[in-house]
Amino acid sequence: MAKFGKKKKGTPAISTASLPDIVFMLLFFFMVTTVMRETDLQINSPKLPSATEVKKLEQKSLVTTIYVGQAKETDKFGNKYNSIQLNDKIASPDDIPAFILNARLDVPEVNHPRMTTSIKADKQMSVGTLTDIRQRLRDVNALKLSLSTHKGSTISE
């Protein structure tokens, strides 16, 4: 007579039937949650100054950003470190009031007092440029101002 031995059972194969569903759910999740950069920088990325007391802005939808730094094309735009970028173009301080008023059109009137203007300025920009920007912001009553920095020591390098 033949002997009947126990068959060794291996682990069952993993079912890959739900794998496409998982891949498409992940793809859809990243497509929905990814935020694309809204502006293309026409200036070199500003080297932000350091600060010890740093606070994050809470509502990014109410923030309007002004970039100040060295233009990528210095022969076309003039000043070395005092180029101002509003949205996707280089501008002068006189263009700032229209820029702020256009930004207010996209926000409900209830939120106008909570709107913040963020200035991302290179550490080597002149103080006169910052003063010009602040004066133009006062002209349109945009009084909430944020100067972008990165957290670190304030000791000069």
C-alpha atoms as a PDB file:
ATOM      1  CA  MET A   1       0.000   0.000   0.000  1.00  0.00           C
ATOM      2  CA  ALA A   2       1.002   3.501  -0.685  1.00  0.00           C
ATOM      3  CA  LYS A   3       1.614   5.856   2.101  1.00  0.00           C
ATOM      4  CA  PHE A   4      -0.300   9.085   2.219  1.00  0.00           C
ATOM      5  CA  GLY A   5       1.902  11.831   3.549  1.00  0.00           C
ATOM      6  CA  LYS A   6       0.942  15.271   4.606  1.00  0.00           C
ATOM      7  CA  LYS A   7       1.262  17.837   1.890  1.00  0.00           C
ATOM      8  CA  LYS A   8       3.219  20.891   2.897  1.00  0.00           C
ATOM      9  CA  LYS A   9       1.074  23.939   2.450  1.00  0.00           C
ATOM     10  CA  GLY A  10       2.907  27.068   1.302  1.00  0.00           C
ATOM     11  CA  THR A  11       1.676  30.575   1.824  1.00  0.00           C
ATOM     12  CA  PRO A  12      -1.010  31.531  -0.651  1.00  0.00           C
ATOM     13  CA  ALA A  13      -0.164  34.001  -3.389  1.00  0.00           C
ATOM     14  CA  ILE A  14      -1.043  37.645  -2.725  1.00  0.00           C
ATOM     15  CA  SER A  15      -3.979  38.777  -4.742  1.00  0.00           C
ATOM     16  CA  THR A  16      -3.130  41.719  -7.001  1.00  0.00           C
ATOM     17  CA  ALA A  17      -6.682  42.308  -8.153  1.00  0.00           C
ATOM     18  CA  SER A  18      -7.098  45.480  -6.079  1.00  0.00           C
ATOM     19  CA  LEU A  19      -3.683  46.919  -6.984  1.00  0.00           C
ATOM     20  CA  PRO A  20      -4.920  49.097  -9.892  1.00  0.00           C
ATOM     21  CA  ASP A  21      -7.617  50.573  -7.629  1.00  0.00           C
ATOM     22  CA  ILE A  22      -5.035  51.521  -5.031  1.00  0.00           C
ATOM     23  CA  VAL A  23      -2.721  53.054  -7.642  1.00  0.00           C
ATOM     24  CA  PHE A  24      -5.508  55.172  -9.121  1.00  0.00           C
ATOM     25  CA  MET A  25      -6.679  56.300  -5.675  1.00  0.00           C
ATOM     26  CA  LEU A  26      -3.147  57.455  -4.832  1.00  0.00           C
ATOM     27  CA  LEU A  27      -2.806  59.166  -8.205  1.00  0.00           C
ATOM     28  CA  PHE A  28      -6.118  60.953  -7.748  1.00  0.00           C
ATOM     29  CA  PHE A  29      -5.183  61.983  -4.193  1.00  0.00           C
ATOM     30  CA  PHE A  30      -1.899  63.573  -5.288  1.00  0.00           C
ATOM     31  CA  MET A  31      -3.526  65.278  -8.263  1.00  0.00           C
ATOM     32  CA  VAL A  32      -6.122  66.887  -5.996  1.00  0.00           C
ATOM     33  CA  THR A  33      -3.824  67.926  -3.159  1.00  0.00           C
ATOM     34  CA  THR A  34      -0.824  69.195  -5.139  1.00  0.00           C
ATOM     35  CA  VAL A  35      -0.584  72.949  -5.451  1.00  0.00           C
ATOM     36  CA  MET A  36       1.199  74.273  -8.496  1.00  0.00           C
ATOM     37  CA  ARG A  37       3.362  77.356  -8.220  1.00  0.00           C
ATOM     38  CA  GLU A  38       1.254  80.336  -9.225  1.00  0.00           C
ATOM     39  CA  THR A  39       4.049  82.648 -10.364  1.00  0.00           C
ATOM     40  CA  ASP A  40       7.265  82.125 -12.272  1.00  0.00           C
ATOM     41  CA  LEU A  41      10.050  84.069 -10.642  1.00  0.00           C
ATOM     42  CA  GLN A  42      11.547  86.725 -12.915  1.00  0.00           C
ATOM     43  CA  ILE A  43      14.090  87.505 -10.210  1.00  0.00           C
ATOM     44  CA  ASN A  44      16.709  85.237  -8.713  1.00  0.00           C
ATOM     45  CA  SER A  45      15.424  83.438  -5.647  1.00  0.00           C
ATOM     46  CA  PRO A  46      15.773  85.992  -2.871  1.00  0.00           C
ATOM     47  CA  LYS A  47      18.206  85.169  -0.074  1.00  0.00           C
ATOM     48  CA  LEU A  48      15.933  85.902   2.854  1.00  0.00           C
ATOM     49  CA  PRO A  49      17.290  87.492   6.019  1.00  0.00           C
ATOM     50  CA  SER A  50      17.410  85.533   9.267  1.00  0.00           C
ATOM     51  CA  ALA A  51      15.189  86.134  12.280  1.00  0.00           C
ATOM     52  CA  THR A  52      14.776  84.548  15.688  1.00  0.00           C
ATOM     53  CA  GLU A  53      11.072  85.279  16.196  1.00  0.00           C
ATOM     54  CA  VAL A  54       9.291  83.752  13.192  1.00  0.00           C
ATOM     55  CA  LYS A  55       5.545  83.269  12.823  1.00  0.00           C
ATOM     56  CA  LYS A  56       3.714  81.473  10.009  1.00  0.00           C
ATOM     57  CA  LEU A  57       0.951  83.191   8.062  1.00  0.00           C
ATOM     58  CA  GLU A  58      -2.382  81.540   8.760  1.00  0.00           C
ATOM     59  CA  GLN A  59      -4.595  82.067   5.706  1.00  0.00           C
ATOM     60  CA  LYS A  60      -2.546  81.806   2.529  1.00  0.00           C
ATOM     61  CA  SER A  61      -5.560  82.756   0.395  1.00  0.00           C
ATOM     62  CA  LEU A  62      -5.511  86.253   1.925  1.00  0.00           C
ATOM     63  CA  VAL A  63      -1.787  86.799   1.278  1.00  0.00           C
ATOM     64  CA  THR A  64      -0.477  88.846  -1.648  1.00  0.00           C
ATOM     65  CA  THR A  65       3.248  88.431  -2.322  1.00  0.00           C
ATOM     66  CA  ILE A  66       5.695  91.010  -3.638  1.00  0.00           C
ATOM     67  CA  TYR A  67       9.167  89.737  -4.588  1.00  0.00           C
ATOM     68  CA  VAL A  68      12.172  92.075  -4.452  1.00  0.00           C
ATOM     69  CA  GLY A  69      15.631  91.089  -5.591  1.00  0.00           C
ATOM     70  CA  GLN A  70      18.029  90.822  -8.471  1.00  0.00           C
ATOM     71  CA  ALA A  71      16.358  90.448 -11.865  1.00  0.00           C
ATOM     72  CA  LYS A  72      17.456  87.433 -13.899  1.00  0.00           C
ATOM     73  CA  GLU A  73      17.880  89.673 -16.928  1.00  0.00           C
ATOM     74  CA  THR A  74      19.645  92.698 -15.448  1.00  0.00           C
ATOM     75  CA  ASP A  75      20.276  94.428 -18.785  1.00  0.00           C
ATOM     76  CA  LYS A  76      16.536  94.415 -19.592  1.00  0.00           C
ATOM     77  CA  PHE A  77      15.131  95.383 -16.189  1.00  0.00           C
ATOM     78  CA  GLY A  78      17.755  97.776 -14.883  1.00  0.00           C
ATOM     79  CA  ASN A  79      18.679  97.819 -11.199  1.00  0.00           C
ATOM     80  CA  LYS A  80      20.777  95.003  -9.842  1.00  0.00           C
ATOM     81  CA  TYR A  81      19.051  94.322  -6.518  1.00  0.00           C
ATOM     82  CA  ASN A  82      16.000  96.536  -6.618  1.00  0.00           C
ATOM     83  CA  SER A  83      13.715  94.803  -9.102  1.00  0.00           C
ATOM     84  CA  ILE A  84      10.137  94.345  -7.913  1.00  0.00           C
ATOM     85  CA  GLN A  85       8.059  91.426  -9.197  1.00  0.00           C
ATOM     86  CA  LEU A  86       4.264  91.519  -9.073  1.00  0.00           C
ATOM     87  CA  ASN A  87       2.658  88.293 -10.292  1.00  0.00           C
ATOM     88  CA  ASP A  88       4.669  87.275 -13.373  1.00  0.00           C
ATOM     89  CA  LYS A  89       6.236  90.577 -14.390  1.00  0.00           C
ATOM     90  CA  ILE A  90       8.805  93.078 -13.233  1.00  0.00           C
ATOM     91  CA  ALA A  91       7.168  96.327 -12.112  1.00  0.00           C
ATOM     92  CA  SER A  92       7.901  99.655 -10.495  1.00  0.00           C
ATOM     93  CA  PRO A  93       6.685 100.852  -7.084  1.00  0.00           C
ATOM     94  CA  ASP A  94       4.001 102.916  -8.856  1.00  0.00           C
ATOM     95  CA  ASP A  95       2.351  99.657 -10.049  1.00  0.00           C
ATOM     96  CA  ILE A  96       1.819  98.358  -6.499  1.00  0.00           C
ATOM     97  CA  PRO A  97      -1.502 100.161  -5.744  1.00  0.00           C
ATOM     98  CA  ALA A  98      -3.143  98.685  -8.865  1.00  0.00           C
ATOM     99  CA  PHE A  99      -1.730  95.259  -7.973  1.00  0.00           C
ATOM    100  CA  ILE A 100      -3.238  95.409  -4.464  1.00  0.00           C
ATOM    101  CA  LEU A 101      -6.593  96.686  -5.723  1.00  0.00           C
ATOM    102  CA  ASN A 102      -6.755  93.831  -8.278  1.00  0.00           C
ATOM    103  CA  ALA A 103      -5.972  91.331  -5.515  1.00  0.00           C
ATOM    104  CA  ARG A 104      -8.850  92.730  -3.462  1.00  0.00           C
ATOM    105  CA  LEU A 105     -11.280  92.026  -6.321  1.00  0.00           C
ATOM    106  CA  ASP A 106     -10.731  88.272  -5.841  1.00  0.00           C
ATOM    107  CA  VAL A 107     -11.537  88.378  -2.115  1.00  0.00           C
ATOM    108  CA  PRO A 108     -14.936  89.048  -0.502  1.00  0.00           C
ATOM    109  CA  GLU A 109     -15.198  92.526   0.979  1.00  0.00           C
ATOM    110  CA  VAL A 110     -15.580  91.118   4.498  1.00  0.00           C
ATOM    111  CA  ASN A 111     -12.011  89.761   4.301  1.00  0.00           C
ATOM    112  CA  HIS A 112     -10.360  92.964   3.005  1.00  0.00           C
ATOM    113  CA  PRO A 113      -9.148  94.074   6.479  1.00  0.00           C
ATOM    114  CA  ARG A 114      -7.569  90.644   7.017  1.00  0.00           C
ATOM    115  CA  MET A 115      -5.566  90.691   3.769  1.00  0.00           C
ATOM    116  CA  THR A 116      -1.799  90.612   4.260  1.00  0.00           C
ATOM    117  CA  THR A 117       0.936  91.769   1.911  1.00  0.00           C
ATOM    118  CA  SER A 118       4.037  89.611   2.148  1.00  0.00           C
ATOM    119  CA  ILE A 119       7.354  90.998   0.947  1.00  0.00           C
ATOM    120  CA  LYS A 120       9.984  88.426   0.028  1.00  0.00           C
ATOM    121  CA  ALA A 121      13.061  90.575  -0.309  1.00  0.00           C
ATOM    122  CA  ASP A 122      16.698  89.734  -0.805  1.00  0.00           C
ATOM    123  CA  LYS A 123      18.903  90.713   2.123  1.00  0.00           C
ATOM    124  CA  GLN A 124      21.034  92.900  -0.155  1.00  0.00           C
ATOM    125  CA  MET A 125      18.203  95.093  -1.414  1.00  0.00           C
ATOM    126  CA  SER A 126      18.252  98.773  -0.589  1.00  0.00           C
ATOM    127  CA  VAL A 127      16.131 100.106   2.246  1.00  0.00           C
ATOM    128  CA  GLY A 128      14.866 102.837  -0.087  1.00  0.00           C
ATOM    129  CA  THR A 129      13.083 100.239  -2.214  1.00  0.00           C
ATOM    130  CA  LEU A 130      11.368  98.820   0.861  1.00  0.00           C
ATOM    131  CA  THR A 131      10.362 102.339   1.905  1.00  0.00           C
ATOM    132  CA  ASP A 132       8.888 103.012  -1.558  1.00  0.00           C
ATOM    133  CA  ILE A 133       6.877  99.768  -1.382  1.00  0.00           C
ATOM    134  CA  ARG A 134       5.582 100.560   2.111  1.00  0.00           C
ATOM    135  CA  GLN A 135       4.542 104.069   1.049  1.00  0.00           C
ATOM    136  CA  ARG A 136       2.578 102.707  -1.949  1.00  0.00           C
ATOM    137  CA  LEU A 137       0.902 100.152   0.332  1.00  0.00           C
ATOM    138  CA  ARG A 138      -0.158 102.940   2.702  1.00  0.00           C
ATOM    139  CA  ASP A 139      -1.683 104.812  -0.256  1.00  0.00           C
ATOM    140  CA  VAL A 140      -4.200 101.974  -0.785  1.00  0.00           C
ATOM    141  CA  ASN A 141      -4.665 101.272   2.940  1.00  0.00           C
ATOM    142  CA  ALA A 142      -2.904  97.879   2.806  1.00  0.00           C
ATOM    143  CA  LEU A 143      -1.513  98.132   6.316  1.00  0.00           C
ATOM    144  CA  LYS A 144      -0.993  94.463   7.228  1.00  0.00           C
ATOM    145  CA  LEU A 145       2.570  93.736   6.163  1.00  0.00           C
ATOM    146  CA  SER A 146       4.692  90.638   6.543  1.00  0.00           C
ATOM    147  CA  LEU A 147       8.414  90.483   5.826  1.00  0.00           C
ATOM    148  CA  SER A 148       9.448  86.948   4.901  1.00  0.00           C
ATOM    149  CA  THR A 149      12.480  85.525   6.665  1.00  0.00           C
ATOM    150  CA  HIS A 150      13.891  82.161   7.550  1.00  0.00           C
ATOM    151  CA  LYS A 151      14.426  81.027  11.097  1.00  0.00           C
ATOM    152  CA  GLY A 152      17.978  81.300  12.317  1.00  0.00           C
ATOM    153  CA  SER A 153      20.364  83.539  14.183  1.00  0.00           C
ATOM    154  CA  THR A 154      20.477  87.238  13.349  1.00  0.00           C
ATOM    155  CA  ILE A 155      24.282  87.385  13.504  1.00  0.00           C
ATOM    156  CA  SER A 156      25.744  88.843  10.307  1.00  0.00           C
ATOM    157  CA  GLU A 157      27.585  86.427   8.105  1.00  0.00           C
END
